[in-house]
Amino acid sequence: MTPSFLRLLWLPCVAILFFSCNQKSASGDFHVTGKIKNGSNQSVYLEKIFFSDKAPLVMDTAMMQDGKFELEGSSKEAGLFRIRFEKNPAIFLLVNDQEDLEIETDLSQPGLASVQTNTSINKALVKFLNNLDRSMNQFEQMKTQADSLMQAGNDSATTIVKTKFEKAENALRDEVVNFIEKAENPVLSMVGLGYVNGIEPSRINKILEGLSKKFPKHEELQALIEDYKKYLATLNQPKPDAPATPAIGKMAPDFTLNGVDGKPFSLHELQGKYVLVDFWASWCGPCRGENPYVVKAYNKFKNKNFTVLGVSLDEDKEAWEEAIQKDGLSWKHVSDLKGWSSVVVPMYGFDGIPYNVLLDPSGKIIATELREDDLDKKLTEVLMK
């Protein structure tokens, strides 16, 4: 099971603006002055961001008048802070490496283009985030292309696009590692560590050892390193047997979760149909990549006594609903919005998503982990007899 600090990976970077100053001393009180164009008068909040499950801590509040505001903060070491607006979705993240910080930007311009600062730390971070954003756009284009080719039945071209995707993904991972290892500020390294998903554990361990020696006195980084090491250690531990985990030939455990409309819905309500119970989440890249295959199967077999029940491990209802609409998932969806703490995780015994189980009309499991074209093949086998 992925720990919380690794589940915040691959977030869009377009609307996140970073600012920092390159003074080495980063402890004590600091002062933030903002000059914002095209921003209405509203409350502005300075919040401390933690690299853990801990919620952001509000440190100061000010009223922005005529695009200007001043905020005060305090920290014993370099950390990540954010400036949040009451009425505007833009968020500024900053590093407290100088007593007096100044921010100038235009809220009418998207992304990082209008942020004014002349520091090496900021330039390095903005470049990193811009590259991530370009890569995400590239991945999205490849995904759309692969989906179109798959729908057209062009398997050879789909394979070529997938190969290009994997190559680009590996290049991005190398870029993330390079950014972490060359960062001149421990906070930048911590930001980079949020994007190591998919990198080999041995490589991550090497990165952590290097950071531990490079920034030995930074307490928050050292704590994050220990969290990563504990997580990586669990990957090498043998997993205990779980005799209660449902297997092929066993009845699927029943559960009741709320639908998008907030009303409870139970798995047993779908008895009498073949049901694909699809465990996924809006934040899960592989899940989103798998969705076109599920959509294709649903549209092909929905009139053959088949349906899908989407079970989300989301925590953000808005993100969940947006992903359902964007990916065209026109079947029933449920979630308790508890992420990996959802009641369904131990019931079905999976430790990664996407994951699915296929049930016959009696509720018995007849297949599991049907990925890509294997789903179509299995449904053809059982429904087109």
Protein backbone atom coordinates (compact mmCIF):
# COMPACT_ATOMS: atom_id res chain seq x y z
CA MET A 1 0.00 0.00 0.00
CA THR A 2 1.39 3.35 -1.01
CA PRO A 3 2.04 5.79 1.87
CA SER A 4 0.34 9.17 1.87
CA PHE A 5 3.46 11.13 0.95
CA LEU A 6 3.74 9.11 -2.26
CA ARG A 7 0.07 9.38 -3.21
CA LEU A 8 0.37 13.09 -4.01
CA LEU A 9 2.40 12.37 -7.11
CA TRP A 10 2.00 13.71 -10.63
CA LEU A 11 -0.21 16.63 -9.64
CA PRO A 12 -0.76 19.27 -12.33
CA CYS A 13 1.72 22.10 -11.94
CA VAL A 14 0.10 24.76 -14.10
CA ALA A 15 -1.67 26.69 -11.35
CA ILE A 16 1.00 26.29 -8.67
CA LEU A 17 3.42 29.20 -8.38
CA PHE A 18 6.68 28.87 -6.49
CA PHE A 19 8.73 31.71 -5.03
CA SER A 20 11.88 31.68 -2.93
CA CYS A 21 15.02 33.71 -2.18
CA ASN A 22 18.61 32.52 -2.20
CA GLN A 23 19.86 33.64 1.18
CA LYS A 24 21.42 30.74 3.08
CA SER A 25 19.96 31.57 6.48
CA ALA A 26 16.35 30.38 6.71
CA SER A 27 15.48 30.40 10.39
CA GLY A 28 13.50 32.87 12.47
CA ASP A 29 10.85 35.41 11.49
CA PHE A 30 10.16 36.43 7.90
CA HIS A 31 8.03 39.03 6.18
CA VAL A 32 6.12 38.57 2.91
CA THR A 33 5.07 41.55 0.77
CA GLY A 34 2.80 40.99 -2.19
CA LYS A 35 1.97 43.11 -5.23
CA ILE A 36 -0.78 41.43 -7.21
CA LYS A 37 -2.33 42.65 -10.44
CA ASN A 38 -5.93 41.80 -11.35
CA GLY A 39 -6.77 40.50 -7.89
CA SER A 40 -9.86 41.75 -6.05
CA ASN A 41 -9.75 42.88 -2.42
CA GLN A 42 -9.89 39.71 -0.33
CA SER A 43 -8.36 37.83 2.57
CA VAL A 44 -4.92 36.29 2.04
CA TYR A 45 -3.53 33.45 4.16
CA LEU A 46 0.04 32.38 4.89
CA GLU A 47 0.15 28.65 5.63
CA LYS A 48 2.90 26.18 6.50
CA ILE A 49 2.91 23.11 4.26
CA PHE A 50 4.06 19.81 5.78
CA PHE A 51 5.57 16.88 3.91
CA SER A 52 3.29 14.44 5.74
CA ASP A 53 -0.39 13.82 6.46
CA LYS A 54 -0.52 16.94 8.62
CA ALA A 55 -2.90 19.61 7.31
CA PRO A 56 -1.54 23.07 6.36
CA LEU A 57 -1.15 25.39 9.37
CA VAL A 58 -2.41 28.97 9.05
CA MET A 59 0.31 31.31 10.35
CA ASP A 60 -1.08 34.72 9.41
CA THR A 61 -4.02 36.38 7.67
CA ALA A 62 -4.14 39.76 5.93
CA MET A 63 -6.53 41.73 3.73
CA MET A 64 -5.34 42.47 0.21
CA GLN A 65 -6.17 46.06 -0.69
CA ASP A 66 -5.51 47.40 -4.19
CA GLY A 67 -3.38 44.35 -4.94
CA LYS A 68 -1.09 44.72 -1.93
CA PHE A 69 -0.72 42.66 1.25
CA GLU A 70 1.79 41.90 4.00
CA LEU A 71 2.13 38.68 5.97
CA GLU A 72 4.37 37.55 8.83
CA GLY A 73 5.72 34.05 9.43
CA SER A 74 8.22 32.22 11.58
CA SER A 75 10.17 28.98 11.23
CA LYS A 76 13.28 27.50 12.78
CA GLU A 77 14.50 26.13 9.43
CA ALA A 78 13.84 26.35 5.71
CA GLY A 79 10.36 25.11 4.94
CA LEU A 80 7.61 25.21 2.38
CA PHE A 81 4.84 27.78 2.83
CA ARG A 82 1.92 28.79 0.71
CA ILE A 83 -0.07 31.94 0.15
CA ARG A 84 -3.75 31.20 -0.44
CA PHE A 85 -6.39 33.64 -1.60
CA GLU A 86 -9.97 33.75 -0.36
CA LYS A 87 -11.53 34.29 -3.80
CA ASN A 88 -8.92 33.17 -6.30
CA PRO A 89 -7.77 29.58 -7.01
CA ALA A 90 -4.12 30.57 -7.56
CA ILE A 91 -1.71 29.32 -4.89
CA PHE A 92 1.84 30.60 -4.26
CA LEU A 93 4.35 28.29 -2.60
CA LEU A 94 7.45 29.89 -1.11
CA VAL A 95 10.61 28.98 0.74
CA ASN A 96 11.48 31.13 3.78
CA ASP A 97 15.17 31.54 3.02
CA GLN A 98 15.20 35.30 3.56
CA GLU A 99 13.69 37.64 6.14
CA ASP A 100 12.02 39.89 3.56
CA LEU A 101 10.22 38.19 0.69
CA GLU A 102 8.52 39.99 -2.17
CA ILE A 103 6.04 38.57 -4.66
CA GLU A 104 4.75 40.26 -7.80
CA THR A 105 2.43 38.58 -10.29
CA ASP A 106 -0.67 38.99 -12.43
CA LEU A 107 -3.55 36.71 -11.50
CA SER A 108 -5.07 37.11 -14.96
CA GLN A 109 -2.14 35.20 -16.46
CA PRO A 110 -2.13 31.44 -15.95
CA GLY A 111 0.80 29.40 -14.75
CA LEU A 112 4.24 30.70 -13.88
CA ALA A 113 4.67 33.31 -16.62
CA SER A 114 3.98 36.45 -14.58
CA VAL A 115 5.83 35.66 -11.35
CA GLN A 116 8.54 38.23 -10.68
CA THR A 117 11.64 37.22 -8.70
CA ASN A 118 15.32 36.96 -9.53
CA THR A 119 16.59 34.10 -7.37
CA SER A 120 18.46 30.98 -8.41
CA ILE A 121 16.29 28.74 -6.25
CA ASN A 122 13.09 30.08 -7.77
CA LYS A 123 14.45 29.78 -11.31
CA ALA A 124 15.49 26.16 -10.75
CA LEU A 125 12.13 25.23 -9.26
CA VAL A 126 10.08 27.02 -11.91
CA LYS A 127 12.11 25.33 -14.65
CA PHE A 128 11.53 21.95 -13.00
CA LEU A 129 7.78 22.53 -12.72
CA ASN A 130 7.51 23.86 -16.25
CA ASN A 131 9.24 20.73 -17.54
CA LEU A 132 6.86 18.58 -15.52
CA ASP A 133 3.91 20.46 -16.96
CA ARG A 134 5.15 20.00 -20.51
CA SER A 135 5.71 16.31 -19.85
CA MET A 136 2.19 15.92 -18.46
CA ASN A 137 0.78 17.56 -21.57
CA GLN A 138 2.90 15.26 -23.71
CA PHE A 139 1.70 12.20 -21.78
CA GLU A 140 -1.92 13.33 -22.15
CA GLN A 141 -1.49 13.69 -25.92
CA MET A 142 0.07 10.22 -26.13
CA LYS A 143 -2.78 8.79 -24.05
CA THR A 144 -5.39 10.37 -26.33
CA GLN A 145 -3.56 9.08 -29.40
CA ALA A 146 -3.30 5.56 -27.95
CA ASP A 147 -7.00 5.59 -27.02
CA SER A 148 -7.96 6.57 -30.58
CA LEU A 149 -5.74 3.90 -32.09
CA MET A 150 -7.08 1.30 -29.68
CA GLN A 151 -10.68 2.20 -30.54
CA ALA A 152 -9.77 1.85 -34.22
CA GLY A 153 -8.29 -1.59 -33.57
CA ASN A 154 -4.77 -0.58 -34.67
CA ASP A 155 -2.79 -2.67 -32.19
CA SER A 156 0.64 -2.20 -33.81
CA ALA A 157 0.38 1.60 -33.79
CA THR A 158 -0.93 1.52 -30.22
CA THR A 159 2.15 -0.46 -29.19
CA ILE A 160 4.44 2.14 -30.83
CA VAL A 161 2.76 4.98 -28.95
CA LYS A 162 3.00 3.06 -25.66
CA THR A 163 6.73 2.51 -26.27
CA LYS A 164 7.21 6.26 -26.81
CA PHE A 165 5.26 6.93 -23.62
CA GLU A 166 7.49 4.62 -21.60
CA LYS A 167 10.62 6.24 -23.05
CA ALA A 168 9.35 9.73 -22.18
CA GLU A 169 8.36 8.57 -18.71
CA ASN A 170 11.84 7.18 -18.06
CA ALA A 171 13.40 10.44 -19.24
CA LEU A 172 11.19 12.37 -16.83
CA ARG A 173 12.21 10.12 -13.95
CA ASP A 174 15.87 10.80 -14.76
CA GLU A 175 15.12 14.51 -14.73
CA VAL A 176 13.44 14.23 -11.32
CA VAL A 177 16.45 12.39 -9.89
CA ASN A 178 18.84 14.96 -11.34
CA PHE A 179 16.80 17.81 -9.84
CA ILE A 180 16.77 16.23 -6.37
CA GLU A 181 20.46 15.40 -6.33
CA LYS A 182 21.61 18.83 -7.57
CA ALA A 183 19.20 20.92 -5.44
CA GLU A 184 20.98 23.58 -3.40
CA ASN A 185 18.14 23.82 -0.89
CA PRO A 186 16.67 20.96 1.20
CA VAL A 187 13.11 22.15 0.51
CA LEU A 188 13.65 21.77 -3.23
CA SER A 189 14.83 18.21 -2.64
CA MET A 190 11.68 17.49 -0.63
CA VAL A 191 9.52 18.84 -3.44
CA GLY A 192 11.38 16.63 -5.91
CA LEU A 193 10.87 13.58 -3.70
CA GLY A 194 7.15 13.98 -4.29
CA TYR A 195 7.70 12.84 -7.88
CA VAL A 196 9.73 9.64 -7.46
CA ASN A 197 6.83 7.27 -8.08
CA GLY A 198 7.89 4.48 -10.44
CA ILE A 199 11.62 4.85 -9.71
CA GLU A 200 13.36 1.68 -8.55
CA PRO A 201 13.57 1.38 -4.73
CA SER A 202 17.36 0.86 -4.88
CA ARG A 203 17.73 4.12 -6.77
CA ILE A 204 15.52 5.96 -4.30
CA ASN A 205 17.57 4.58 -1.40
CA LYS A 206 20.73 5.94 -3.02
CA ILE A 207 19.07 9.35 -3.39
CA LEU A 208 18.00 9.34 0.25
CA GLU A 209 21.48 8.45 1.46
CA GLY A 210 22.92 11.34 -0.54
CA LEU A 211 20.37 13.82 0.84
CA SER A 212 20.94 12.64 4.39
CA LYS A 213 24.64 13.51 4.08
CA LYS A 214 24.07 16.70 2.09
CA PHE A 215 21.54 18.28 4.51
CA PRO A 216 22.22 16.52 7.84
CA LYS A 217 20.80 19.31 10.02
CA HIS A 218 17.48 19.85 8.25
CA GLU A 219 14.98 18.17 10.55
CA GLU A 220 11.96 18.02 8.24
CA LEU A 221 13.99 16.51 5.40
CA GLN A 222 15.57 13.96 7.74
CA ALA A 223 12.10 12.98 8.99
CA LEU A 224 10.87 12.61 5.41
CA ILE A 225 13.90 10.47 4.58
CA GLU A 226 13.08 8.17 7.51
CA ASP A 227 9.46 7.86 6.31
CA TYR A 228 10.66 6.86 2.85
CA LYS A 229 13.13 4.35 4.26
CA LYS A 230 10.44 2.72 6.39
CA TYR A 231 8.17 2.48 3.38
CA LEU A 232 10.91 1.04 1.14
CA ALA A 233 11.80 -1.50 3.83
CA THR A 234 8.23 -2.83 3.76
CA LEU A 235 8.57 -3.58 0.05
CA ASN A 236 11.16 -6.28 0.83
CA GLN A 237 9.17 -7.88 3.62
CA PRO A 238 7.16 -11.00 2.79
CA LYS A 239 3.47 -10.29 2.82
CA PRO A 240 1.45 -12.38 5.28
CA ASP A 241 -1.11 -14.77 3.91
CA ALA A 242 -4.61 -13.38 3.82
CA PRO A 243 -6.93 -16.40 3.82
CA ALA A 244 -9.99 -14.17 3.98
CA THR A 245 -9.11 -12.43 0.71
CA PRO A 246 -11.74 -13.44 -1.86
CA ALA A 247 -10.46 -15.57 -4.71
CA ILE A 248 -11.83 -16.92 -7.96
CA GLY A 249 -14.71 -19.25 -7.19
CA LYS A 250 -15.57 -17.47 -3.93
CA MET A 251 -18.46 -15.11 -3.31
CA ALA A 252 -17.53 -11.43 -3.47
CA PRO A 253 -17.83 -9.63 -0.12
CA ASP A 254 -20.82 -7.33 -0.08
CA PHE A 255 -20.38 -3.66 0.85
CA THR A 256 -22.39 -0.47 0.97
CA LEU A 257 -20.91 2.91 0.03
CA ASN A 258 -22.36 6.24 -0.99
CA GLY A 259 -22.82 7.09 -4.63
CA VAL A 260 -21.96 10.40 -6.24
CA ASP A 261 -25.43 11.56 -5.23
CA GLY A 262 -24.65 10.84 -1.57
CA LYS A 263 -27.11 7.96 -1.34
CA PRO A 264 -25.98 4.50 -0.14
CA PHE A 265 -25.63 1.74 -2.70
CA SER A 266 -24.82 -1.93 -2.09
CA LEU A 267 -23.01 -4.38 -4.32
CA HIS A 268 -25.78 -6.98 -3.89
CA GLU A 269 -28.18 -4.65 -5.70
CA LEU A 270 -26.47 -5.67 -8.94
CA GLN A 271 -26.98 -9.41 -8.49
CA GLY A 272 -28.46 -10.99 -11.59
CA LYS A 273 -25.88 -9.31 -13.82
CA TYR A 274 -22.26 -9.91 -14.66
CA VAL A 275 -20.49 -7.12 -12.76
CA LEU A 276 -16.98 -5.73 -13.05
CA VAL A 277 -16.12 -4.21 -9.66
CA ASP A 278 -13.49 -1.68 -10.67
CA PHE A 279 -11.28 -0.20 -7.90
CA TRP A 280 -9.64 3.06 -9.02
CA ALA A 281 -9.07 6.75 -8.16
CA SER A 282 -8.92 10.05 -10.00
CA TRP A 283 -5.31 10.64 -8.81
CA CYS A 284 -4.12 7.24 -10.07
CA GLY A 285 -2.40 7.65 -13.46
CA PRO A 286 -2.48 3.93 -14.38
CA CYS A 287 -6.18 3.85 -13.47
CA ARG A 288 -6.92 6.75 -15.80
CA GLY A 289 -4.91 4.98 -18.48
CA GLU A 290 -6.98 1.84 -17.98
CA ASN A 291 -10.34 3.62 -18.11
CA PRO A 292 -10.63 3.67 -21.94
CA TYR A 293 -10.47 -0.12 -21.96
CA VAL A 294 -13.24 -0.32 -19.37
CA VAL A 295 -15.34 2.19 -21.33
CA LYS A 296 -14.86 0.17 -24.50
CA ALA A 297 -15.90 -3.06 -22.76
CA TYR A 298 -18.88 -1.42 -21.07
CA ASN A 299 -20.21 0.00 -24.33
CA LYS A 300 -19.70 -3.32 -26.11
CA PHE A 301 -21.35 -5.57 -23.49
CA LYS A 302 -23.78 -3.36 -21.54
CA ASN A 303 -26.71 -4.90 -23.42
CA LYS A 304 -25.46 -8.42 -22.66
CA ASN A 305 -26.44 -8.44 -18.96
CA PHE A 306 -23.17 -6.76 -17.98
CA THR A 307 -22.39 -3.63 -15.98
CA VAL A 308 -19.58 -1.96 -14.05
CA LEU A 309 -19.45 -0.69 -10.47
CA GLY A 310 -16.72 1.89 -9.98
CA VAL A 311 -15.29 1.94 -6.45
CA SER A 312 -13.07 4.96 -5.89
CA LEU A 313 -10.24 5.43 -3.39
CA ASP A 314 -10.55 9.18 -3.74
CA GLU A 315 -10.70 11.61 -0.84
CA ASP A 316 -11.64 14.67 -2.89
CA LYS A 317 -15.25 14.38 -4.09
CA GLU A 318 -14.86 17.14 -6.66
CA ALA A 319 -11.82 15.48 -8.25
CA TRP A 320 -13.65 12.14 -8.27
CA GLU A 321 -16.69 13.59 -10.02
CA GLU A 322 -14.54 15.49 -12.52
CA ALA A 323 -12.62 12.32 -13.48
CA ILE A 324 -15.86 10.37 -13.96
CA GLN A 325 -17.14 13.02 -16.34
CA LYS A 326 -13.85 13.59 -18.19
CA ASP A 327 -13.20 9.86 -18.76
CA GLY A 328 -16.81 9.13 -19.77
CA LEU A 329 -17.45 6.56 -17.04
CA SER A 330 -21.22 6.23 -17.45
CA TRP A 331 -21.88 3.51 -14.88
CA LYS A 332 -22.61 3.47 -11.14
CA HIS A 333 -19.89 4.87 -8.87
CA VAL A 334 -19.44 4.64 -5.09
CA SER A 335 -16.86 5.72 -2.53
CA ASP A 336 -16.49 6.45 1.18
CA LEU A 337 -13.89 9.13 0.24
CA LYS A 338 -11.36 7.69 2.68
CA GLY A 339 -8.57 6.87 0.23
CA TRP A 340 -6.55 3.83 1.24
CA SER A 341 -8.47 3.73 4.53
CA SER A 342 -11.60 2.68 2.65
CA VAL A 343 -13.43 -0.32 4.08
CA VAL A 344 -13.18 -2.14 0.75
CA VAL A 345 -9.37 -2.39 0.78
CA PRO A 346 -9.05 -5.08 3.47
CA MET A 347 -12.25 -6.76 2.25
CA TYR A 348 -10.74 -7.41 -1.17
CA GLY A 349 -7.08 -7.58 -0.11
CA PHE A 350 -5.50 -5.49 -2.87
CA ASP A 351 -2.50 -3.19 -2.33
CA GLY A 352 -2.45 -1.38 -5.65
CA ILE A 353 -4.83 0.09 -8.18
CA PRO A 354 -6.21 -0.30 -10.77
CA TYR A 355 -7.66 -3.58 -9.53
CA ASN A 356 -10.87 -5.33 -10.50
CA VAL A 357 -12.92 -8.46 -9.98
CA LEU A 358 -15.49 -9.88 -12.38
CA LEU A 359 -18.62 -11.40 -10.82
CA ASP A 360 -21.18 -13.76 -12.31
CA PRO A 361 -24.91 -13.09 -11.76
CA SER A 362 -24.83 -14.94 -8.42
CA GLY A 363 -22.07 -12.68 -7.08
CA LYS A 364 -19.29 -15.25 -7.43
CA ILE A 365 -15.83 -14.08 -8.54
CA ILE A 366 -14.94 -15.57 -11.93
CA ALA A 367 -11.86 -13.46 -12.76
CA THR A 368 -9.55 -10.81 -11.27
CA GLU A 369 -7.10 -8.18 -12.50
CA LEU A 370 -8.41 -7.99 -16.05
CA ARG A 371 -6.22 -5.33 -17.69
CA GLU A 372 -6.41 -3.79 -21.16
CA ASP A 373 -7.60 -6.25 -23.83
CA ASP A 374 -7.81 -9.14 -21.34
CA LEU A 375 -11.07 -7.62 -20.10
CA ASP A 376 -12.62 -7.73 -23.56
CA LYS A 377 -11.40 -11.30 -24.12
CA LYS A 378 -12.85 -12.54 -20.82
CA LEU A 379 -16.20 -10.83 -21.37
CA THR A 380 -16.37 -12.24 -24.89
CA GLU A 381 -15.73 -15.68 -23.43
CA VAL A 382 -18.50 -15.55 -20.80
CA LEU A 383 -21.09 -13.36 -22.53
CA MET A 384 -20.88 -14.43 -26.16
CA LYS A 385 -21.34 -18.15 -25.68
